[in-house]
Amino acid sequence: MNDPYVSMELFNLGISMEQPSTAAPEELNPERTIELVKASNDFAFDLFKNNFLDQMGQDPMMMPVLISAIAHDWVYVKHGL
């Protein structure tokens, strides 16, 4: 399965099945969460397109992992969440 879109959907399915063991911070309401996810994904996709797109031919399965890691790092560094 070398289709990165299928890989991303499978990755998202796995995330939706996770059950966190701690409560979310109070300031992380649904609207704020959507705002952070959109901003972090925009940042991750832009960084990916500018720096890593040429490497996808070598290992297309890395795309969803890399985008997710970049997005999570952005939220942590920028917002401490």
N, C-alpha and C. Protein backbone atom coordinates (compact mmCIF):
# COMPACT_ATOMS: atom_id res chain seq x y z
N MET A 1 0.85 -1.17 0.00
CA MET A 1 0.00 0.00 0.00
C MET A 1 0.90 1.24 0.00
N ASN A 2 1.15 1.77 -1.17
CA ASN A 2 2.03 2.93 -1.29
C ASN A 2 1.28 4.23 -1.48
N ASP A 3 -0.04 4.21 -1.37
CA ASP A 3 -0.82 5.41 -1.55
C ASP A 3 -0.79 6.23 -0.25
N PRO A 4 -0.15 7.42 -0.27
CA PRO A 4 -0.04 8.20 0.96
C PRO A 4 -1.39 8.65 1.51
N TYR A 5 -2.38 8.81 0.65
CA TYR A 5 -3.71 9.22 1.13
C TYR A 5 -4.36 8.11 1.95
N VAL A 6 -4.20 6.87 1.48
CA VAL A 6 -4.72 5.73 2.23
C VAL A 6 -3.98 5.60 3.55
N SER A 7 -2.67 5.80 3.51
CA SER A 7 -1.87 5.73 4.74
C SER A 7 -2.34 6.77 5.75
N MET A 8 -2.61 7.97 5.29
CA MET A 8 -3.04 9.04 6.19
C MET A 8 -4.41 8.71 6.78
N GLU A 9 -5.30 8.15 5.98
CA GLU A 9 -6.62 7.78 6.50
C GLU A 9 -6.50 6.68 7.55
N LEU A 10 -5.64 5.71 7.31
CA LEU A 10 -5.43 4.65 8.30
C LEU A 10 -4.82 5.23 9.58
N PHE A 11 -3.91 6.15 9.43
CA PHE A 11 -3.30 6.82 10.58
C PHE A 11 -4.36 7.58 11.37
N ASN A 12 -5.21 8.32 10.67
CA ASN A 12 -6.28 9.08 11.33
C ASN A 12 -7.26 8.15 12.03
N LEU A 13 -7.55 7.01 11.43
CA LEU A 13 -8.42 6.02 12.07
C LEU A 13 -7.82 5.54 13.38
N GLY A 14 -6.54 5.28 13.38
CA GLY A 14 -5.85 4.85 14.59
C GLY A 14 -5.92 5.90 15.68
N ILE A 15 -5.75 7.17 15.29
CA ILE A 15 -5.82 8.25 16.26
C ILE A 15 -7.22 8.35 16.85
N SER A 16 -8.24 8.19 16.02
CA SER A 16 -9.61 8.33 16.51
C SER A 16 -9.97 7.21 17.50
N MET A 17 -9.24 6.11 17.46
CA MET A 17 -9.51 5.01 18.37
C MET A 17 -8.79 5.15 19.70
N GLU A 18 -7.83 6.09 19.80
CA GLU A 18 -7.08 6.28 21.03
C GLU A 18 -7.97 6.88 22.11
N GLN A 19 -7.74 6.48 23.33
CA GLN A 19 -8.46 7.02 24.48
C GLN A 19 -7.43 7.63 25.42
N PRO A 20 -7.37 8.96 25.52
CA PRO A 20 -6.36 9.59 26.38
C PRO A 20 -6.58 9.22 27.86
N SER A 21 -5.48 9.16 28.60
CA SER A 21 -5.57 8.79 30.01
C SER A 21 -5.63 10.00 30.93
N THR A 22 -5.54 11.20 30.39
CA THR A 22 -5.63 12.41 31.20
C THR A 22 -6.67 13.35 30.60
N ALA A 23 -7.11 14.29 31.41
CA ALA A 23 -8.08 15.27 30.93
C ALA A 23 -7.38 16.36 30.12
N ALA A 24 -8.10 16.93 29.18
CA ALA A 24 -7.57 18.03 28.37
C ALA A 24 -7.52 19.30 29.20
N PRO A 25 -6.56 20.19 28.92
CA PRO A 25 -6.53 21.47 29.63
C PRO A 25 -7.83 22.25 29.43
N GLU A 26 -8.25 23.02 30.42
CA GLU A 26 -9.52 23.74 30.34
C GLU A 26 -9.58 24.72 29.17
N GLU A 27 -8.45 25.34 28.85
CA GLU A 27 -8.45 26.32 27.76
C GLU A 27 -8.54 25.66 26.38
N LEU A 28 -8.51 24.36 26.34
CA LEU A 28 -8.56 23.63 25.08
C LEU A 28 -9.99 23.21 24.78
N ASN A 29 -10.84 24.21 24.54
CA ASN A 29 -12.24 23.94 24.20
C ASN A 29 -12.32 23.50 22.73
N PRO A 30 -13.48 23.05 22.26
CA PRO A 30 -13.58 22.57 20.87
C PRO A 30 -13.14 23.60 19.84
N GLU A 31 -13.52 24.85 20.01
CA GLU A 31 -13.14 25.88 19.02
C GLU A 31 -11.63 26.09 18.99
N ARG A 32 -11.00 26.13 20.17
CA ARG A 32 -9.56 26.33 20.26
C ARG A 32 -8.82 25.12 19.68
N THR A 33 -9.35 23.94 19.93
CA THR A 33 -8.73 22.73 19.40
C THR A 33 -8.75 22.73 17.88
N ILE A 34 -9.88 23.08 17.29
CA ILE A 34 -9.99 23.15 15.83
C ILE A 34 -9.01 24.19 15.28
N GLU A 35 -8.93 25.33 15.94
CA GLU A 35 -8.01 26.39 15.52
C GLU A 35 -6.56 25.88 15.54
N LEU A 36 -6.16 25.21 16.62
CA LEU A 36 -4.80 24.69 16.73
C LEU A 36 -4.51 23.61 15.70
N VAL A 37 -5.46 22.71 15.49
CA VAL A 37 -5.25 21.63 14.52
C VAL A 37 -5.08 22.20 13.11
N LYS A 38 -5.93 23.15 12.74
CA LYS A 38 -5.81 23.75 11.40
C LYS A 38 -4.49 24.47 11.24
N ALA A 39 -4.11 25.27 12.24
CA ALA A 39 -2.85 26.03 12.14
C ALA A 39 -1.65 25.10 12.13
N SER A 40 -1.66 24.06 12.96
CA SER A 40 -0.52 23.14 12.99
C SER A 40 -0.42 22.34 11.70
N ASN A 41 -1.54 21.92 11.15
CA ASN A 41 -1.51 21.19 9.87
C ASN A 41 -1.05 22.08 8.74
N ASP A 42 -1.50 23.33 8.70
CA ASP A 42 -1.02 24.27 7.67
C ASP A 42 0.49 24.41 7.75
N PHE A 43 0.99 24.61 8.98
CA PHE A 43 2.43 24.74 9.17
C PHE A 43 3.16 23.48 8.71
N ALA A 44 2.65 22.31 9.12
CA ALA A 44 3.31 21.05 8.80
C ALA A 44 3.32 20.79 7.29
N PHE A 45 2.19 21.01 6.62
CA PHE A 45 2.14 20.77 5.17
C PHE A 45 3.04 21.73 4.42
N ASP A 46 3.09 23.00 4.82
CA ASP A 46 3.98 23.95 4.16
C ASP A 46 5.44 23.54 4.34
N LEU A 47 5.82 23.19 5.56
CA LEU A 47 7.19 22.77 5.81
C LEU A 47 7.52 21.51 5.01
N PHE A 48 6.58 20.58 4.98
CA PHE A 48 6.77 19.34 4.24
C PHE A 48 6.97 19.62 2.75
N LYS A 49 6.07 20.44 2.17
CA LYS A 49 6.17 20.75 0.73
C LYS A 49 7.48 21.43 0.41
N ASN A 50 7.95 22.31 1.27
CA ASN A 50 9.16 23.08 0.99
C ASN A 50 10.45 22.31 1.25
N ASN A 51 10.41 21.31 2.13
CA ASN A 51 11.66 20.67 2.52
C ASN A 51 11.74 19.17 2.30
N PHE A 52 10.61 18.48 2.23
CA PHE A 52 10.67 17.02 2.23
C PHE A 52 9.98 16.36 1.03
N LEU A 53 9.30 17.11 0.20
CA LEU A 53 8.53 16.52 -0.90
C LEU A 53 9.41 15.69 -1.83
N ASP A 54 10.62 16.16 -2.10
CA ASP A 54 11.51 15.43 -3.01
C ASP A 54 11.95 14.07 -2.46
N GLN A 55 11.85 13.87 -1.16
CA GLN A 55 12.25 12.61 -0.55
C GLN A 55 11.14 11.57 -0.55
N MET A 56 9.94 11.94 -0.93
CA MET A 56 8.80 11.02 -0.88
C MET A 56 8.96 9.84 -1.82
N GLY A 57 9.71 10.02 -2.89
CA GLY A 57 9.95 8.92 -3.82
C GLY A 57 10.70 7.79 -3.15
N GLN A 58 11.53 8.11 -2.17
CA GLN A 58 12.32 7.09 -1.47
C GLN A 58 11.46 6.30 -0.48
N ASP A 59 10.56 6.97 0.23
CA ASP A 59 9.74 6.29 1.24
C ASP A 59 8.41 7.02 1.43
N PRO A 60 7.42 6.74 0.60
CA PRO A 60 6.14 7.46 0.68
C PRO A 60 5.38 7.22 1.99
N MET A 61 5.69 6.16 2.71
CA MET A 61 5.00 5.87 3.97
C MET A 61 5.41 6.83 5.08
N MET A 62 6.47 7.58 4.87
CA MET A 62 6.93 8.52 5.90
C MET A 62 6.09 9.79 5.95
N MET A 63 5.35 10.09 4.88
CA MET A 63 4.60 11.35 4.82
C MET A 63 3.65 11.53 6.00
N PRO A 64 2.73 10.60 6.29
CA PRO A 64 1.81 10.84 7.39
C PRO A 64 2.51 10.95 8.75
N VAL A 65 3.56 10.17 8.93
CA VAL A 65 4.29 10.22 10.20
C VAL A 65 4.99 11.55 10.35
N LEU A 66 5.64 11.99 9.30
CA LEU A 66 6.38 13.24 9.34
C LEU A 66 5.46 14.44 9.53
N ILE A 67 4.36 14.50 8.80
CA ILE A 67 3.42 15.61 8.93
C ILE A 67 2.83 15.64 10.34
N SER A 68 2.47 14.49 10.85
CA SER A 68 1.92 14.43 12.21
C SER A 68 2.94 14.90 13.24
N ALA A 69 4.17 14.45 13.11
CA ALA A 69 5.21 14.83 14.06
C ALA A 69 5.48 16.34 14.01
N ILE A 70 5.55 16.89 12.82
CA ILE A 70 5.78 18.33 12.67
C ILE A 70 4.63 19.11 13.28
N ALA A 71 3.39 18.68 13.02
CA ALA A 71 2.23 19.38 13.55
C ALA A 71 2.19 19.33 15.07
N HIS A 72 2.47 18.16 15.64
CA HIS A 72 2.49 18.03 17.09
C HIS A 72 3.59 18.89 17.71
N ASP A 73 4.77 18.88 17.09
CA ASP A 73 5.87 19.70 17.60
C ASP A 73 5.50 21.17 17.59
N TRP A 74 4.85 21.62 16.53
CA TRP A 74 4.46 23.03 16.42
C TRP A 74 3.53 23.42 17.56
N VAL A 75 2.53 22.58 17.85
CA VAL A 75 1.59 22.89 18.94
C VAL A 75 2.33 22.94 20.27
N TYR A 76 3.25 22.01 20.48
CA TYR A 76 3.97 21.99 21.75
C TYR A 76 4.89 23.21 21.89
N VAL A 77 5.67 23.49 20.87
CA VAL A 77 6.62 24.61 20.93
C VAL A 77 5.89 25.95 21.00
N LYS A 78 4.88 26.10 20.18
CA LYS A 78 4.19 27.39 20.08
C LYS A 78 3.21 27.63 21.24
N HIS A 79 2.57 26.56 21.74
CA HIS A 79 1.51 26.74 22.72
C HIS A 79 1.69 25.95 24.01
N GLY A 80 2.71 25.11 24.07
CA GLY A 80 2.97 24.34 25.28
C GLY A 80 1.94 23.27 25.56
N LEU A 81 1.20 22.86 24.54
CA LEU A 81 0.17 21.82 24.72
C LEU A 81 0.58 20.56 23.99
